[in-house]
Amino acid sequence: MTVHVRRKTLERGAVRGFVRRFIREKRLGVVGAVIMLILLVCGLFADLLAPYGMDEKSLPDRFAAPSAQYLLGADQVGRDILSRLIYGARISMLVGLAATTVTVAVAALVGVPSGYFGGRFDVITQRFVDAWMSFPELLVLLTVMSMVGRGQLQIILVIGIFTGIRWTRVVRGAVIGIKENDYFEAARAVGQSHLGIILRHILPNILGPLIVIYSVSLGWAILAEASLSFLGFGLPLDVPSWGGMLSGEGRRYLERKPALAMWPGVCLTVVIYGINMLGDALRDLLDPRLAGTARTRPGTDG
């Protein structure tokens, strides 16, 4: 009992130390965390925060200017722009978090066995990853989405699986590094099963890289969803996605009301910037080996 309490105390102290170090050393990371928190709040409480419904229309208020009634104005059918931006935050949060969860799961499911078993299995797996990474990501996403059709579930799975395969090399490298440790060899010497070694010795020790992968892949997932929706291959037209708002009314009525395209673009820019700053800060603190890698493409930084 005493050992268990002592372990819990050490874990709490480590978490508090990490938070203090994060706040003290990574000021831009703190800004990114605040932006991420605002996105989560808007996504979770969109129904309470939005002044109007997601598709609530008032034709007499078409292209209304910013006012006390419509803080950011109204669109071409009288819908409140601010309300649709808030509901768009919910879409971005849901798609981003779900797709990134799929990304981490795929990276672990492919990268852990590849690094653990090695040999011919590793060679075949890595050649598949090489072939996969040779295709332009946007072209693959557009092709697959044109085959499976529009929908939230489809876009989550397509983005998650595609990005996850590109991250398998990072997971594989982390597993190979763990195999050099004495405790790993000891576990094999006492006859522990492969599954037991993976669950007890590998996954807990690659948790840091997995958290890094999650944090730096989140921005890419949100941007990929917006890109697909902008090109007409993402979410349905009636869903207020930021990318869809840029593509539809934003592009069609750009000259008459620039705010239709400006505000979704501003939201995307701020959110992606904040998530990238948060991801970079977590990467530097949790896995310094990845600190010098590229920062824009999945598979190199997510």
C-alpha atoms as a PDB file:
ATOM      1  CA  MET A   1       0.000   0.000   0.000  1.00  0.00           C
ATOM      2  CA  THR A   2       2.838   2.371   0.906  1.00  0.00           C
ATOM      3  CA  VAL A   3       4.632   1.636  -2.374  1.00  0.00           C
ATOM      4  CA  HIS A   4       1.426   2.331  -4.307  1.00  0.00           C
ATOM      5  CA  VAL A   5       0.897   5.672  -2.533  1.00  0.00           C
ATOM      6  CA  ARG A   6       4.521   6.617  -3.084  1.00  0.00           C
ATOM      7  CA  ARG A   7       4.223   5.806  -6.778  1.00  0.00           C
ATOM      8  CA  LYS A   8       1.095   7.936  -7.104  1.00  0.00           C
ATOM      9  CA  THR A   9       2.842  10.817  -5.343  1.00  0.00           C
ATOM     10  CA  LEU A  10       5.818  10.572  -7.701  1.00  0.00           C
ATOM     11  CA  GLU A  11       3.512  10.539 -10.726  1.00  0.00           C
ATOM     12  CA  ARG A  12       1.666  13.651  -9.513  1.00  0.00           C
ATOM     13  CA  GLY A  13       4.983  15.384  -8.872  1.00  0.00           C
ATOM     14  CA  ALA A  14       6.189  14.488 -12.380  1.00  0.00           C
ATOM     15  CA  VAL A  15       3.001  15.884 -13.941  1.00  0.00           C
ATOM     16  CA  ARG A  16       3.240  19.113 -11.933  1.00  0.00           C
ATOM     17  CA  GLY A  17       6.906  19.449 -12.876  1.00  0.00           C
ATOM     18  CA  PHE A  18       6.093  18.940 -16.549  1.00  0.00           C
ATOM     19  CA  VAL A  19       3.334  21.565 -16.437  1.00  0.00           C
ATOM     20  CA  ARG A  20       5.616  24.083 -14.698  1.00  0.00           C
ATOM     21  CA  ARG A  21       8.380  23.422 -17.222  1.00  0.00           C
ATOM     22  CA  PHE A  22       5.896  23.735 -20.091  1.00  0.00           C
ATOM     23  CA  ILE A  23       4.631  27.110 -18.841  1.00  0.00           C
ATOM     24  CA  ARG A  24       8.116  28.416 -18.049  1.00  0.00           C
ATOM     25  CA  GLU A  25       9.941  27.297 -21.207  1.00  0.00           C
ATOM     26  CA  LYS A  26       7.277  27.172 -23.922  1.00  0.00           C
ATOM     27  CA  ARG A  27       5.386  30.451 -24.026  1.00  0.00           C
ATOM     28  CA  LEU A  28       4.149  29.902 -27.585  1.00  0.00           C
ATOM     29  CA  GLY A  29       3.062  26.419 -26.521  1.00  0.00           C
ATOM     30  CA  VAL A  30       0.934  28.003 -23.792  1.00  0.00           C
ATOM     31  CA  VAL A  31      -0.672  30.272 -26.399  1.00  0.00           C
ATOM     32  CA  GLY A  32      -1.372  27.185 -28.517  1.00  0.00           C
ATOM     33  CA  ALA A  33      -2.897  25.410 -25.507  1.00  0.00           C
ATOM     34  CA  VAL A  34      -5.221  28.369 -24.900  1.00  0.00           C
ATOM     35  CA  ILE A  35      -6.311  28.363 -28.550  1.00  0.00           C
ATOM     36  CA  MET A  36      -6.900  24.616 -28.359  1.00  0.00           C
ATOM     37  CA  LEU A  37      -8.945  25.081 -25.180  1.00  0.00           C
ATOM     38  CA  ILE A  38     -11.096  27.725 -26.881  1.00  0.00           C
ATOM     39  CA  LEU A  39     -11.686  25.328 -29.797  1.00  0.00           C
ATOM     40  CA  LEU A  40     -12.729  22.572 -27.395  1.00  0.00           C
ATOM     41  CA  VAL A  41     -15.095  24.875 -25.506  1.00  0.00           C
ATOM     42  CA  CYS A  42     -16.687  26.128 -28.739  1.00  0.00           C
ATOM     43  CA  GLY A  43     -17.048  22.579 -30.012  1.00  0.00           C
ATOM     44  CA  LEU A  44     -18.513  21.141 -26.823  1.00  0.00           C
ATOM     45  CA  PHE A  45     -20.874  24.030 -26.051  1.00  0.00           C
ATOM     46  CA  ALA A  46     -21.737  25.236 -29.552  1.00  0.00           C
ATOM     47  CA  ASP A  47     -25.465  24.945 -28.878  1.00  0.00           C
ATOM     48  CA  LEU A  48     -25.120  27.287 -25.881  1.00  0.00           C
ATOM     49  CA  LEU A  49     -22.585  29.719 -27.338  1.00  0.00           C
ATOM     50  CA  ALA A  50     -24.076  30.206 -30.811  1.00  0.00           C
ATOM     51  CA  PRO A  51     -26.617  33.072 -30.893  1.00  0.00           C
ATOM     52  CA  TYR A  52     -28.634  31.296 -33.605  1.00  0.00           C
ATOM     53  CA  GLY A  53     -29.151  27.788 -34.912  1.00  0.00           C
ATOM     54  CA  MET A  54     -26.749  26.140 -37.308  1.00  0.00           C
ATOM     55  CA  ASP A  55     -29.057  26.616 -40.298  1.00  0.00           C
ATOM     56  CA  GLU A  56     -31.438  29.288 -38.991  1.00  0.00           C
ATOM     57  CA  LYS A  57     -32.298  31.620 -41.880  1.00  0.00           C
ATOM     58  CA  SER A  58     -33.831  35.073 -42.181  1.00  0.00           C
ATOM     59  CA  LEU A  59     -34.110  36.081 -45.833  1.00  0.00           C
ATOM     60  CA  PRO A  60     -34.793  39.779 -45.107  1.00  0.00           C
ATOM     61  CA  ASP A  61     -31.363  39.907 -43.404  1.00  0.00           C
ATOM     62  CA  ARG A  62     -29.394  38.685 -46.428  1.00  0.00           C
ATOM     63  CA  PHE A  63     -25.832  40.094 -46.407  1.00  0.00           C
ATOM     64  CA  ALA A  64     -26.575  42.040 -43.232  1.00  0.00           C
ATOM     65  CA  ALA A  65     -23.653  44.120 -41.971  1.00  0.00           C
ATOM     66  CA  PRO A  66     -22.117  43.484 -38.520  1.00  0.00           C
ATOM     67  CA  SER A  67     -24.452  44.763 -35.822  1.00  0.00           C
ATOM     68  CA  ALA A  68     -25.712  43.977 -32.347  1.00  0.00           C
ATOM     69  CA  GLN A  69     -28.009  41.370 -33.902  1.00  0.00           C
ATOM     70  CA  TYR A  70     -25.339  39.767 -36.102  1.00  0.00           C
ATOM     71  CA  LEU A  71     -21.895  40.430 -34.636  1.00  0.00           C
ATOM     72  CA  LEU A  72     -20.093  39.304 -37.796  1.00  0.00           C
ATOM     73  CA  GLY A  73     -22.940  39.903 -40.217  1.00  0.00           C
ATOM     74  CA  ALA A  74     -25.162  37.459 -42.112  1.00  0.00           C
ATOM     75  CA  ASP A  75     -24.601  35.371 -45.240  1.00  0.00           C
ATOM     76  CA  GLN A  76     -26.480  35.181 -48.539  1.00  0.00           C
ATOM     77  CA  VAL A  77     -29.570  33.516 -47.000  1.00  0.00           C
ATOM     78  CA  GLY A  78     -29.598  35.443 -43.721  1.00  0.00           C
ATOM     79  CA  ARG A  79     -27.725  32.991 -41.524  1.00  0.00           C
ATOM     80  CA  ASP A  80     -25.588  34.355 -38.709  1.00  0.00           C
ATOM     81  CA  ILE A  81     -21.904  34.017 -39.670  1.00  0.00           C
ATOM     82  CA  LEU A  82     -20.713  33.850 -36.049  1.00  0.00           C
ATOM     83  CA  SER A  83     -23.074  30.985 -35.249  1.00  0.00           C
ATOM     84  CA  ARG A  84     -21.912  28.983 -38.249  1.00  0.00           C
ATOM     85  CA  LEU A  85     -18.273  29.586 -37.284  1.00  0.00           C
ATOM     86  CA  ILE A  86     -18.961  28.253 -33.788  1.00  0.00           C
ATOM     87  CA  TYR A  87     -20.675  25.160 -35.190  1.00  0.00           C
ATOM     88  CA  GLY A  88     -17.777  24.828 -37.618  1.00  0.00           C
ATOM     89  CA  ALA A  89     -15.461  24.664 -34.593  1.00  0.00           C
ATOM     90  CA  ARG A  90     -17.427  21.639 -33.417  1.00  0.00           C
ATOM     91  CA  ILE A  91     -16.922  19.930 -36.788  1.00  0.00           C
ATOM     92  CA  SER A  92     -13.204  20.724 -36.788  1.00  0.00           C
ATOM     93  CA  MET A  93     -12.799  19.489 -33.218  1.00  0.00           C
ATOM     94  CA  LEU A  94     -14.705  16.264 -33.793  1.00  0.00           C
ATOM     95  CA  VAL A  95     -13.049  15.393 -37.099  1.00  0.00           C
ATOM     96  CA  GLY A  96      -9.613  16.448 -35.876  1.00  0.00           C
ATOM     97  CA  LEU A  97      -9.679  14.506 -32.609  1.00  0.00           C
ATOM     98  CA  ALA A  98     -11.280  11.393 -34.098  1.00  0.00           C
ATOM     99  CA  ALA A  99      -9.036  11.283 -37.174  1.00  0.00           C
ATOM    100  CA  THR A 100      -5.922  11.815 -35.043  1.00  0.00           C
ATOM    101  CA  THR A 101      -6.996   8.992 -32.720  1.00  0.00           C
ATOM    102  CA  VAL A 102      -7.228   6.728 -35.767  1.00  0.00           C
ATOM    103  CA  THR A 103      -3.799   8.016 -36.859  1.00  0.00           C
ATOM    104  CA  VAL A 104      -2.144   7.018 -33.579  1.00  0.00           C
ATOM    105  CA  ALA A 105      -3.903   3.642 -33.547  1.00  0.00           C
ATOM    106  CA  VAL A 106      -2.787   2.817 -37.107  1.00  0.00           C
ATOM    107  CA  ALA A 107       0.772   4.024 -36.433  1.00  0.00           C
ATOM    108  CA  ALA A 108       0.980   1.787 -33.358  1.00  0.00           C
ATOM    109  CA  LEU A 109      -0.676  -1.241 -34.972  1.00  0.00           C
ATOM    110  CA  VAL A 110       1.736  -1.151 -37.918  1.00  0.00           C
ATOM    111  CA  GLY A 111       4.874   0.375 -36.396  1.00  0.00           C
ATOM    112  CA  VAL A 112       5.076  -1.686 -33.193  1.00  0.00           C
ATOM    113  CA  PRO A 113       5.056  -5.151 -34.858  1.00  0.00           C
ATOM    114  CA  SER A 114       7.409  -3.892 -37.562  1.00  0.00           C
ATOM    115  CA  GLY A 115      10.000  -2.720 -35.065  1.00  0.00           C
ATOM    116  CA  TYR A 116       9.456  -5.587 -32.635  1.00  0.00           C
ATOM    117  CA  PHE A 117       9.635  -8.589 -34.958  1.00  0.00           C
ATOM    118  CA  GLY A 118      12.079  -7.116 -37.501  1.00  0.00           C
ATOM    119  CA  GLY A 119      13.440  -9.395 -40.212  1.00  0.00           C
ATOM    120  CA  ARG A 120      11.472 -10.076 -43.352  1.00  0.00           C
ATOM    121  CA  PHE A 121       8.225  -8.808 -41.854  1.00  0.00           C
ATOM    122  CA  ASP A 122       9.865  -5.446 -41.138  1.00  0.00           C
ATOM    123  CA  VAL A 123      11.338  -5.240 -44.647  1.00  0.00           C
ATOM    124  CA  ILE A 124       8.008  -5.972 -46.340  1.00  0.00           C
ATOM    125  CA  THR A 125       6.163  -3.527 -44.088  1.00  0.00           C
ATOM    126  CA  GLN A 126       8.623  -0.719 -44.689  1.00  0.00           C
ATOM    127  CA  ARG A 127       8.594  -1.226 -48.455  1.00  0.00           C
ATOM    128  CA  PHE A 128       4.808  -0.874 -48.317  1.00  0.00           C
ATOM    129  CA  VAL A 129       5.211   2.329 -46.300  1.00  0.00           C
ATOM    130  CA  ASP A 130       7.758   3.598 -48.854  1.00  0.00           C
ATOM    131  CA  ALA A 131       5.319   2.954 -51.692  1.00  0.00           C
ATOM    132  CA  TRP A 132       2.477   4.601 -49.751  1.00  0.00           C
ATOM    133  CA  MET A 133       4.516   7.722 -49.042  1.00  0.00           C
ATOM    134  CA  SER A 134       5.448   8.092 -52.695  1.00  0.00           C
ATOM    135  CA  PHE A 135       1.875   9.141 -53.567  1.00  0.00           C
ATOM    136  CA  PRO A 136       0.889  12.821 -53.119  1.00  0.00           C
ATOM    137  CA  GLU A 137      -1.291  12.973 -50.025  1.00  0.00           C
ATOM    138  CA  LEU A 138      -3.975  15.283 -51.424  1.00  0.00           C
ATOM    139  CA  LEU A 139      -4.336  13.175 -54.583  1.00  0.00           C
ATOM    140  CA  VAL A 140      -4.805  10.005 -52.527  1.00  0.00           C
ATOM    141  CA  LEU A 141      -7.329  11.676 -50.222  1.00  0.00           C
ATOM    142  CA  LEU A 142      -9.346  13.041 -53.159  1.00  0.00           C
ATOM    143  CA  THR A 143      -9.311   9.679 -54.936  1.00  0.00           C
ATOM    144  CA  VAL A 144     -10.451   7.707 -51.906  1.00  0.00           C
ATOM    145  CA  MET A 145     -13.120  10.240 -50.925  1.00  0.00           C
ATOM    146  CA  SER A 146     -14.516  10.191 -54.464  1.00  0.00           C
ATOM    147  CA  MET A 147     -14.882   6.411 -54.100  1.00  0.00           C
ATOM    148  CA  VAL A 148     -16.388   6.222 -50.598  1.00  0.00           C
ATOM    149  CA  GLY A 149     -18.496   9.383 -50.851  1.00  0.00           C
ATOM    150  CA  ARG A 150     -19.012  12.327 -48.538  1.00  0.00           C
ATOM    151  CA  GLY A 151     -19.578  11.894 -44.839  1.00  0.00           C
ATOM    152  CA  GLN A 152     -18.081  12.546 -41.442  1.00  0.00           C
ATOM    153  CA  LEU A 153     -17.161   8.917 -40.726  1.00  0.00           C
ATOM    154  CA  GLN A 154     -15.585   8.481 -44.156  1.00  0.00           C
ATOM    155  CA  ILE A 155     -13.394  11.560 -43.837  1.00  0.00           C
ATOM    156  CA  ILE A 156     -12.270  10.571 -40.321  1.00  0.00           C
ATOM    157  CA  LEU A 157     -11.216   7.098 -41.443  1.00  0.00           C
ATOM    158  CA  VAL A 158      -9.559   8.241 -44.671  1.00  0.00           C
ATOM    159  CA  ILE A 159      -7.498  10.989 -43.019  1.00  0.00           C
ATOM    160  CA  GLY A 160      -6.681   8.839 -39.985  1.00  0.00           C
ATOM    161  CA  ILE A 161      -5.519   5.769 -41.917  1.00  0.00           C
ATOM    162  CA  PHE A 162      -3.572   7.752 -44.498  1.00  0.00           C
ATOM    163  CA  THR A 163      -1.687   9.807 -41.900  1.00  0.00           C
ATOM    164  CA  GLY A 164      -1.202   6.855 -39.555  1.00  0.00           C
ATOM    165  CA  ILE A 165       0.697   4.835 -42.147  1.00  0.00           C
ATOM    166  CA  ARG A 166       3.080   7.752 -42.651  1.00  0.00           C
ATOM    167  CA  TRP A 167       3.821   7.874 -38.917  1.00  0.00           C
ATOM    168  CA  THR A 168       4.709   4.183 -38.607  1.00  0.00           C
ATOM    169  CA  ARG A 169       8.410   4.885 -39.118  1.00  0.00           C
ATOM    170  CA  VAL A 170       8.572   7.055 -36.002  1.00  0.00           C
ATOM    171  CA  VAL A 171       6.878   4.348 -33.932  1.00  0.00           C
ATOM    172  CA  ARG A 172       9.115   1.676 -35.439  1.00  0.00           C
ATOM    173  CA  GLY A 173      12.231   3.675 -34.567  1.00  0.00           C
ATOM    174  CA  ALA A 174      11.053   4.113 -30.964  1.00  0.00           C
ATOM    175  CA  VAL A 175      10.427   0.362 -30.628  1.00  0.00           C
ATOM    176  CA  ILE A 176      13.845  -0.508 -32.060  1.00  0.00           C
ATOM    177  CA  GLY A 177      15.420   1.810 -29.480  1.00  0.00           C
ATOM    178  CA  ILE A 178      13.591   0.031 -26.654  1.00  0.00           C
ATOM    179  CA  LYS A 179      14.806  -3.375 -27.830  1.00  0.00           C
ATOM    180  CA  GLU A 180      18.352  -2.375 -26.867  1.00  0.00           C
ATOM    181  CA  ASN A 181      17.459  -2.043 -23.160  1.00  0.00           C
ATOM    182  CA  ASP A 182      18.327  -4.729 -20.609  1.00  0.00           C
ATOM    183  CA  TYR A 183      14.794  -5.085 -19.245  1.00  0.00           C
ATOM    184  CA  PHE A 184      13.562  -5.983 -22.712  1.00  0.00           C
ATOM    185  CA  GLU A 185      16.093  -8.791 -23.022  1.00  0.00           C
ATOM    186  CA  ALA A 186      15.253  -9.938 -19.490  1.00  0.00           C
ATOM    187  CA  ALA A 187      11.562 -10.175 -20.338  1.00  0.00           C
ATOM    188  CA  ARG A 188      12.375 -12.359 -23.341  1.00  0.00           C
ATOM    189  CA  ALA A 189      14.761 -14.500 -21.283  1.00  0.00           C
ATOM    190  CA  VAL A 190      12.089 -15.397 -18.709  1.00  0.00           C
ATOM    191  CA  GLY A 191       9.790 -16.557 -21.498  1.00  0.00           C
ATOM    192  CA  GLN A 192       7.264 -13.725 -21.547  1.00  0.00           C
ATOM    193  CA  SER A 193       4.942 -13.849 -24.553  1.00  0.00           C
ATOM    194  CA  HIS A 194       5.200 -11.420 -27.453  1.00  0.00           C
ATOM    195  CA  LEU A 195       1.862  -9.846 -26.541  1.00  0.00           C
ATOM    196  CA  GLY A 196       2.900  -9.487 -22.911  1.00  0.00           C
ATOM    197  CA  ILE A 197       6.174  -7.783 -23.867  1.00  0.00           C
ATOM    198  CA  ILE A 198       4.361  -5.380 -26.213  1.00  0.00           C
ATOM    199  CA  LEU A 199       1.707  -4.474 -23.641  1.00  0.00           C
ATOM    200  CA  ARG A 200       3.954  -4.273 -20.558  1.00  0.00           C
ATOM    201  CA  HIS A 201       7.278  -3.042 -21.881  1.00  0.00           C
ATOM    202  CA  ILE A 202       6.839  -1.436 -25.309  1.00  0.00           C
ATOM    203  CA  LEU A 203       3.591   0.529 -25.308  1.00  0.00           C
ATOM    204  CA  PRO A 204       4.210   2.269 -21.937  1.00  0.00           C
ATOM    205  CA  ASN A 205       7.696   3.288 -23.081  1.00  0.00           C
ATOM    206  CA  ILE A 206       6.606   4.741 -26.424  1.00  0.00           C
ATOM    207  CA  LEU A 207       3.771   6.732 -24.875  1.00  0.00           C
ATOM    208  CA  GLY A 208       5.809   9.937 -25.233  1.00  0.00           C
ATOM    209  CA  PRO A 209       6.292   9.588 -29.015  1.00  0.00           C
ATOM    210  CA  LEU A 210       2.619   8.606 -29.388  1.00  0.00           C
ATOM    211  CA  ILE A 211       1.532  11.778 -27.555  1.00  0.00           C
ATOM    212  CA  VAL A 212       3.824  13.788 -29.804  1.00  0.00           C
ATOM    213  CA  ILE A 213       2.340  12.141 -32.895  1.00  0.00           C
ATOM    214  CA  TYR A 214      -1.157  12.958 -31.646  1.00  0.00           C
ATOM    215  CA  SER A 215      -0.388  16.601 -30.934  1.00  0.00           C
ATOM    216  CA  VAL A 216       1.389  17.371 -34.199  1.00  0.00           C
ATOM    217  CA  SER A 217      -1.088  15.387 -36.343  1.00  0.00           C
ATOM    218  CA  LEU A 218      -4.147  17.214 -35.040  1.00  0.00           C
ATOM    219  CA  GLY A 219      -3.529  20.368 -37.047  1.00  0.00           C
ATOM    220  CA  TRP A 220      -2.921  18.357 -40.222  1.00  0.00           C
ATOM    221  CA  ALA A 221      -6.216  16.474 -39.750  1.00  0.00           C
ATOM    222  CA  ILE A 222      -8.196  19.717 -39.367  1.00  0.00           C
ATOM    223  CA  LEU A 223      -6.476  21.266 -42.379  1.00  0.00           C
ATOM    224  CA  ALA A 224      -7.031  18.112 -44.476  1.00  0.00           C
ATOM    225  CA  GLU A 225     -10.752  18.133 -43.664  1.00  0.00           C
ATOM    226  CA  ALA A 226     -10.981  21.813 -44.597  1.00  0.00           C
ATOM    227  CA  SER A 227      -9.107  21.177 -47.861  1.00  0.00           C
ATOM    228  CA  LEU A 228     -11.356  18.292 -48.844  1.00  0.00           C
ATOM    229  CA  SER A 229     -14.506  20.249 -47.970  1.00  0.00           C
ATOM    230  CA  PHE A 230     -13.196  23.257 -49.919  1.00  0.00           C
ATOM    231  CA  LEU A 231     -12.692  21.054 -52.996  1.00  0.00           C
ATOM    232  CA  GLY A 232     -16.139  19.496 -52.615  1.00  0.00           C
ATOM    233  CA  PHE A 233     -15.041  16.035 -51.472  1.00  0.00           C
ATOM    234  CA  GLY A 234     -15.456  16.425 -47.724  1.00  0.00           C
ATOM    235  CA  LEU A 235     -18.532  16.955 -45.604  1.00  0.00           C
ATOM    236  CA  PRO A 236     -22.022  17.528 -47.063  1.00  0.00           C
ATOM    237  CA  LEU A 237     -22.900  21.055 -48.157  1.00  0.00           C
ATOM    238  CA  ASP A 238     -25.394  21.601 -45.318  1.00  0.00           C
ATOM    239  CA  VAL A 239     -22.691  21.030 -42.655  1.00  0.00           C
ATOM    240  CA  PRO A 240     -21.023  24.320 -41.602  1.00  0.00           C
ATOM    241  CA  SER A 241     -17.421  23.232 -42.087  1.00  0.00           C
ATOM    242  CA  TRP A 242     -14.871  26.041 -42.247  1.00  0.00           C
ATOM    243  CA  GLY A 243     -13.490  24.628 -45.483  1.00  0.00           C
ATOM    244  CA  GLY A 244     -16.978  24.324 -46.940  1.00  0.00           C
ATOM    245  CA  MET A 245     -17.790  27.897 -45.949  1.00  0.00           C
ATOM    246  CA  LEU A 246     -14.685  29.054 -47.812  1.00  0.00           C
ATOM    247  CA  SER A 247     -15.603  27.054 -50.880  1.00  0.00           C
ATOM    248  CA  GLY A 248     -19.334  27.678 -51.185  1.00  0.00           C
ATOM    249  CA  GLU A 249     -20.768  31.043 -50.259  1.00  0.00           C
ATOM    250  CA  GLY A 250     -17.337  32.427 -49.410  1.00  0.00           C
ATOM    251  CA  ARG A 251     -16.020  32.033 -52.946  1.00  0.00           C
ATOM    252  CA  ARG A 252     -19.294  32.741 -54.737  1.00  0.00           C
ATOM    253  CA  TYR A 253     -20.053  36.003 -52.922  1.00  0.00           C
ATOM    254  CA  LEU A 254     -16.484  37.082 -52.184  1.00  0.00           C
ATOM    255  CA  GLU A 255     -16.752  40.461 -53.947  1.00  0.00           C
ATOM    256  CA  ARG A 256     -20.104  41.353 -52.423  1.00  0.00           C
ATOM    257  CA  LYS A 257     -19.306  40.244 -48.845  1.00  0.00           C
ATOM    258  CA  PRO A 258     -15.628  39.374 -48.221  1.00  0.00           C
ATOM    259  CA  ALA A 259     -16.418  38.414 -44.604  1.00  0.00           C
ATOM    260  CA  LEU A 260     -17.964  35.154 -45.850  1.00  0.00           C
ATOM    261  CA  ALA A 261     -14.484  33.936 -46.803  1.00  0.00           C
ATOM    262  CA  MET A 262     -12.386  36.010 -44.420  1.00  0.00           C
ATOM    263  CA  TRP A 263     -13.720  34.716 -41.094  1.00  0.00           C
ATOM    264  CA  PRO A 264     -13.497  30.961 -41.850  1.00  0.00           C
ATOM    265  CA  GLY A 265      -9.970  31.583 -43.136  1.00  0.00           C
ATOM    266  CA  VAL A 266      -9.038  33.481 -39.969  1.00  0.00           C
ATOM    267  CA  CYS A 267     -10.426  30.672 -37.792  1.00  0.00           C
ATOM    268  CA  LEU A 268      -8.465  28.032 -39.690  1.00  0.00           C
ATOM    269  CA  THR A 269      -5.274  30.099 -39.557  1.00  0.00           C
ATOM    270  CA  VAL A 270      -5.478  30.764 -35.820  1.00  0.00           C
ATOM    271  CA  VAL A 271      -6.428  27.199 -34.892  1.00  0.00           C
ATOM    272  CA  ILE A 272      -3.758  25.554 -37.068  1.00  0.00           C
ATOM    273  CA  TYR A 273      -1.148  27.979 -35.759  1.00  0.00           C
ATOM    274  CA  GLY A 274      -2.116  27.310 -32.150  1.00  0.00           C
ATOM    275  CA  ILE A 275      -2.137  23.540 -32.572  1.00  0.00           C
ATOM    276  CA  ASN A 276       1.237  23.605 -34.340  1.00  0.00           C
ATOM    277  CA  MET A 277       2.760  25.697 -31.538  1.00  0.00           C
ATOM    278  CA  LEU A 278       1.328  23.329 -28.924  1.00  0.00           C
ATOM    279  CA  GLY A 279       2.529  20.288 -30.857  1.00  0.00           C
ATOM    280  CA  ASP A 280       6.030  21.697 -31.295  1.00  0.00           C
ATOM    281  CA  ALA A 281       6.271  22.494 -27.581  1.00  0.00           C
ATOM    282  CA  LEU A 282       5.142  19.019 -26.545  1.00  0.00           C
ATOM    283  CA  ARG A 283       7.511  17.460 -29.063  1.00  0.00           C
ATOM    284  CA  ASP A 284      10.495  19.376 -27.679  1.00  0.00           C
ATOM    285  CA  LEU A 285       9.649  18.405 -24.085  1.00  0.00           C
ATOM    286  CA  LEU A 286       8.530  14.796 -24.571  1.00  0.00           C
ATOM    287  CA  ASP A 287      10.769  13.625 -27.400  1.00  0.00           C
ATOM    288  CA  PRO A 288      13.754  15.910 -28.119  1.00  0.00           C
ATOM    289  CA  ARG A 289      14.909  13.494 -30.855  1.00  0.00           C
ATOM    290  CA  LEU A 290      12.060  14.785 -33.050  1.00  0.00           C
ATOM    291  CA  ALA A 291      12.713  18.480 -32.350  1.00  0.00           C
ATOM    292  CA  GLY A 292      14.658  19.127 -35.541  1.00  0.00           C
ATOM    293  CA  THR A 293      12.392  17.380 -38.015  1.00  0.00           C
ATOM    294  CA  ALA A 294      10.272  19.055 -40.708  1.00  0.00           C
ATOM    295  CA  ARG A 295       7.031  20.636 -39.556  1.00  0.00           C
ATOM    296  CA  THR A 296       4.468  20.475 -42.328  1.00  0.00           C
ATOM    297  CA  ARG A 297       4.005  17.018 -43.754  1.00  0.00           C
ATOM    298  CA  PRO A 298       2.563  13.971 -42.034  1.00  0.00           C
ATOM    299  CA  GLY A 299       5.161  11.311 -41.601  1.00  0.00           C
ATOM    300  CA  THR A 300       7.825  13.906 -40.816  1.00  0.00           C
ATOM    301  CA  ASP A 301       6.035  15.913 -38.201  1.00  0.00           C
ATOM    302  CA  GLY A 302       2.325  15.237 -38.808  1.00  0.00           C
END
